[in-house]
Amino acid sequence: MVLGETFIFRFYRKVLRIQKIMRVVKKSILHRFPLYRNG
């Protein structure tokens, strides 16, 4: 049961890290191509 909680916690941290990377990538793409921000 504790092992399952550890696995869920590790998976949750991995998802948060992927979301942070995607946010940085999206921000850099929007900064590089400002046309996409307007629509």
PDB file of N, CA and C in Angstrom:
ATOM      1  N   MET A   1       0.851  -1.194   0.000  1.00  0.00           N
ATOM      2  CA  MET A   1       0.000   0.000   0.000  1.00  0.00           C
ATOM      3  C   MET A   1       0.889   1.246   0.000  1.00  0.00           C
ATOM      4  N   VAL A   2       1.934   1.227   0.820  1.00  0.00           N
ATOM      5  CA  VAL A   2       2.867   2.349   0.841  1.00  0.00           C
ATOM      6  C   VAL A   2       3.608   2.423  -0.501  1.00  0.00           C
ATOM      7  N   LEU A   3       3.900   1.268  -1.073  1.00  0.00           N
ATOM      8  CA  LEU A   3       4.602   1.229  -2.355  1.00  0.00           C
ATOM      9  C   LEU A   3       3.745   1.866  -3.444  1.00  0.00           C
ATOM     10  N   GLY A   4       2.439   1.606  -3.390  1.00  0.00           N
ATOM     11  CA  GLY A   4       1.527   2.210  -4.368  1.00  0.00           C
ATOM     12  C   GLY A   4       1.485   3.721  -4.216  1.00  0.00           C
ATOM     13  N   GLU A   5       1.465   4.204  -2.970  1.00  0.00           N
ATOM     14  CA  GLU A   5       1.446   5.654  -2.749  1.00  0.00           C
ATOM     15  C   GLU A   5       2.731   6.292  -3.269  1.00  0.00           C
ATOM     16  N   THR A   6       3.855   5.609  -3.074  1.00  0.00           N
ATOM     17  CA  THR A   6       5.131   6.131  -3.561  1.00  0.00           C
ATOM     18  C   THR A   6       5.114   6.195  -5.080  1.00  0.00           C
ATOM     19  N   PHE A   7       4.553   5.174  -5.735  1.00  0.00           N
ATOM     20  CA  PHE A   7       4.492   5.145  -7.191  1.00  0.00           C
ATOM     21  C   PHE A   7       3.614   6.288  -7.706  1.00  0.00           C
ATOM     22  N   ILE A   8       2.458   6.499  -7.051  1.00  0.00           N
ATOM     23  CA  ILE A   8       1.545   7.575  -7.450  1.00  0.00           C
ATOM     24  C   ILE A   8       2.217   8.932  -7.264  1.00  0.00           C
ATOM     25  N   PHE A   9       2.933   9.100  -6.153  1.00  0.00           N
ATOM     26  CA  PHE A   9       3.604  10.376  -5.877  1.00  0.00           C
ATOM     27  C   PHE A   9       4.687  10.647  -6.925  1.00  0.00           C
ATOM     28  N   ARG A  10       5.450   9.593  -7.277  1.00  0.00           N
ATOM     29  CA  ARG A  10       6.514   9.744  -8.266  1.00  0.00           C
ATOM     30  C   ARG A  10       5.917  10.073  -9.634  1.00  0.00           C
ATOM     31  N   PHE A  11       4.808   9.398  -9.983  1.00  0.00           N
ATOM     32  CA  PHE A  11       4.143   9.659 -11.257  1.00  0.00           C
ATOM     33  C   PHE A  11       3.611  11.090 -11.299  1.00  0.00           C
ATOM     34  N   TYR A  12       3.053  11.560 -10.159  1.00  0.00           N
ATOM     35  CA  TYR A  12       2.510  12.920 -10.084  1.00  0.00           C
ATOM     36  C   TYR A  12       3.615  13.960 -10.285  1.00  0.00           C
ATOM     37  N   ARG A  13       4.787  13.724  -9.660  1.00  0.00           N
ATOM     38  CA  ARG A  13       5.903  14.669  -9.831  1.00  0.00           C
ATOM     39  C   ARG A  13       6.384  14.669 -11.276  1.00  0.00           C
ATOM     40  N   LYS A  14       6.388  13.497 -11.917  1.00  0.00           N
ATOM     41  CA  LYS A  14       6.818  13.419 -13.309  1.00  0.00           C
ATOM     42  C   LYS A  14       5.863  14.198 -14.205  1.00  0.00           C
ATOM     43  N   VAL A  15       4.557  14.081 -13.939  1.00  0.00           N
ATOM     44  CA  VAL A  15       3.552  14.822 -14.726  1.00  0.00           C
ATOM     45  C   VAL A  15       3.737  16.320 -14.535  1.00  0.00           C
ATOM     46  N   LEU A  16       3.996  16.755 -13.289  1.00  0.00           N
ATOM     47  CA  LEU A  16       4.210  18.186 -13.031  1.00  0.00           C
ATOM     48  C   LEU A  16       5.432  18.690 -13.784  1.00  0.00           C
ATOM     49  N   ARG A  17       6.492  17.880 -13.811  1.00  0.00           N
ATOM     50  CA  ARG A  17       7.711  18.285 -14.509  1.00  0.00           C
ATOM     51  C   ARG A  17       7.449  18.402 -16.010  1.00  0.00           C
ATOM     52  N   ILE A  18       6.675  17.450 -16.574  1.00  0.00           N
ATOM     53  CA  ILE A  18       6.358  17.494 -18.004  1.00  0.00           C
ATOM     54  C   ILE A  18       5.509  18.725 -18.305  1.00  0.00           C
ATOM     55  N   GLN A  19       4.548  19.054 -17.430  1.00  0.00           N
ATOM     56  CA  GLN A  19       3.712  20.239 -17.641  1.00  0.00           C
ATOM     57  C   GLN A  19       4.561  21.504 -17.612  1.00  0.00           C
ATOM     58  N   LYS A  20       5.545  21.565 -16.709  1.00  0.00           N
ATOM     59  CA  LYS A  20       6.405  22.748 -16.623  1.00  0.00           C
ATOM     60  C   LYS A  20       7.231  22.889 -17.892  1.00  0.00           C
ATOM     61  N   ILE A  21       7.763  21.756 -18.402  1.00  0.00           N
ATOM     62  CA  ILE A  21       8.557  21.794 -19.635  1.00  0.00           C
ATOM     63  C   ILE A  21       7.684  22.225 -20.812  1.00  0.00           C
ATOM     64  N   MET A  22       6.462  21.698 -20.900  1.00  0.00           N
ATOM     65  CA  MET A  22       5.560  22.066 -21.992  1.00  0.00           C
ATOM     66  C   MET A  22       5.227  23.547 -21.930  1.00  0.00           C
ATOM     67  N   ARG A  23       5.048  24.081 -20.712  1.00  0.00           N
ATOM     68  CA  ARG A  23       4.729  25.498 -20.554  1.00  0.00           C
ATOM     69  C   ARG A  23       5.889  26.367 -21.043  1.00  0.00           C
ATOM     70  N   VAL A  24       7.128  25.969 -20.700  1.00  0.00           N
ATOM     71  CA  VAL A  24       8.311  26.729 -21.135  1.00  0.00           C
ATOM     72  C   VAL A  24       8.459  26.655 -22.653  1.00  0.00           C
ATOM     73  N   VAL A  25       8.226  25.466 -23.213  1.00  0.00           N
ATOM     74  CA  VAL A  25       8.338  25.301 -24.671  1.00  0.00           C
ATOM     75  C   VAL A  25       7.278  26.144 -25.377  1.00  0.00           C
ATOM     76  N   LYS A  26       6.045  26.121 -24.848  1.00  0.00           N
ATOM     77  CA  LYS A  26       4.964  26.898 -25.462  1.00  0.00           C
ATOM     78  C   LYS A  26       5.270  28.390 -25.385  1.00  0.00           C
ATOM     79  N   LYS A  27       5.817  28.842 -24.246  1.00  0.00           N
ATOM     80  CA  LYS A  27       6.145  30.262 -24.079  1.00  0.00           C
ATOM     81  C   LYS A  27       7.241  30.674 -25.055  1.00  0.00           C
ATOM     82  N   SER A  28       8.248  29.803 -25.249  1.00  0.00           N
ATOM     83  CA  SER A  28       9.343  30.128 -26.172  1.00  0.00           C
ATOM     84  C   SER A  28       8.836  30.157 -27.613  1.00  0.00           C
ATOM     85  N   ILE A  29       7.914  29.235 -27.950  1.00  0.00           N
ATOM     86  CA  ILE A  29       7.353  29.226 -29.311  1.00  0.00           C
ATOM     87  C   ILE A  29       6.524  30.485 -29.535  1.00  0.00           C
ATOM     88  N   LEU A  30       5.721  30.874 -28.540  1.00  0.00           N
ATOM     89  CA  LEU A  30       4.913  32.091 -28.685  1.00  0.00           C
ATOM     90  C   LEU A  30       5.810  33.314 -28.781  1.00  0.00           C
ATOM     91  N   HIS A  31       6.919  33.307 -28.061  1.00  0.00           N
ATOM     92  CA  HIS A  31       7.837  34.443 -28.094  1.00  0.00           C
ATOM     93  C   HIS A  31       8.548  34.510 -29.447  1.00  0.00           C
ATOM     94  N   ARG A  32       8.827  33.355 -30.022  1.00  0.00           N
ATOM     95  CA  ARG A  32       9.533  33.310 -31.292  1.00  0.00           C
ATOM     96  C   ARG A  32       8.595  33.641 -32.457  1.00  0.00           C
ATOM     97  N   PHE A  33       7.338  33.191 -32.369  1.00  0.00           N
ATOM     98  CA  PHE A  33       6.352  33.452 -33.422  1.00  0.00           C
ATOM     99  C   PHE A  33       5.166  34.200 -32.827  1.00  0.00           C
ATOM    100  N   PRO A  34       5.193  35.525 -32.783  1.00  0.00           N
ATOM    101  CA  PRO A  34       4.115  36.292 -32.148  1.00  0.00           C
ATOM    102  C   PRO A  34       2.810  36.247 -32.932  1.00  0.00           C
ATOM    103  N   LEU A  35       2.832  35.728 -34.163  1.00  0.00           N
ATOM    104  CA  LEU A  35       1.596  35.668 -34.950  1.00  0.00           C
ATOM    105  C   LEU A  35       0.602  34.686 -34.327  1.00  0.00           C
ATOM    106  N   TYR A  36       1.109  33.595 -33.718  1.00  0.00           N
ATOM    107  CA  TYR A  36       0.220  32.595 -33.141  1.00  0.00           C
ATOM    108  C   TYR A  36      -0.530  33.145 -31.924  1.00  0.00           C
ATOM    109  N   ARG A  37       0.035  34.134 -31.257  1.00  0.00           N
ATOM    110  CA  ARG A  37      -0.613  34.674 -30.059  1.00  0.00           C
ATOM    111  C   ARG A  37      -1.874  35.444 -30.432  1.00  0.00           C
ATOM    112  N   ASN A  38      -1.858  36.113 -31.592  1.00  0.00           N
ATOM    113  CA  ASN A  38      -3.019  36.904 -31.995  1.00  0.00           C
ATOM    114  C   ASN A  38      -4.136  36.028 -32.548  1.00  0.00           C
ATOM    115  N   GLY A  39      -3.814  34.824 -32.966  1.00  0.00           N
ATOM    116  CA  GLY A  39      -4.855  33.961 -33.487  1.00  0.00           C
ATOM    117  C   GLY A  39      -4.360  33.328 -34.728  1.00  0.00           C
TER     118      GLY A  39
END
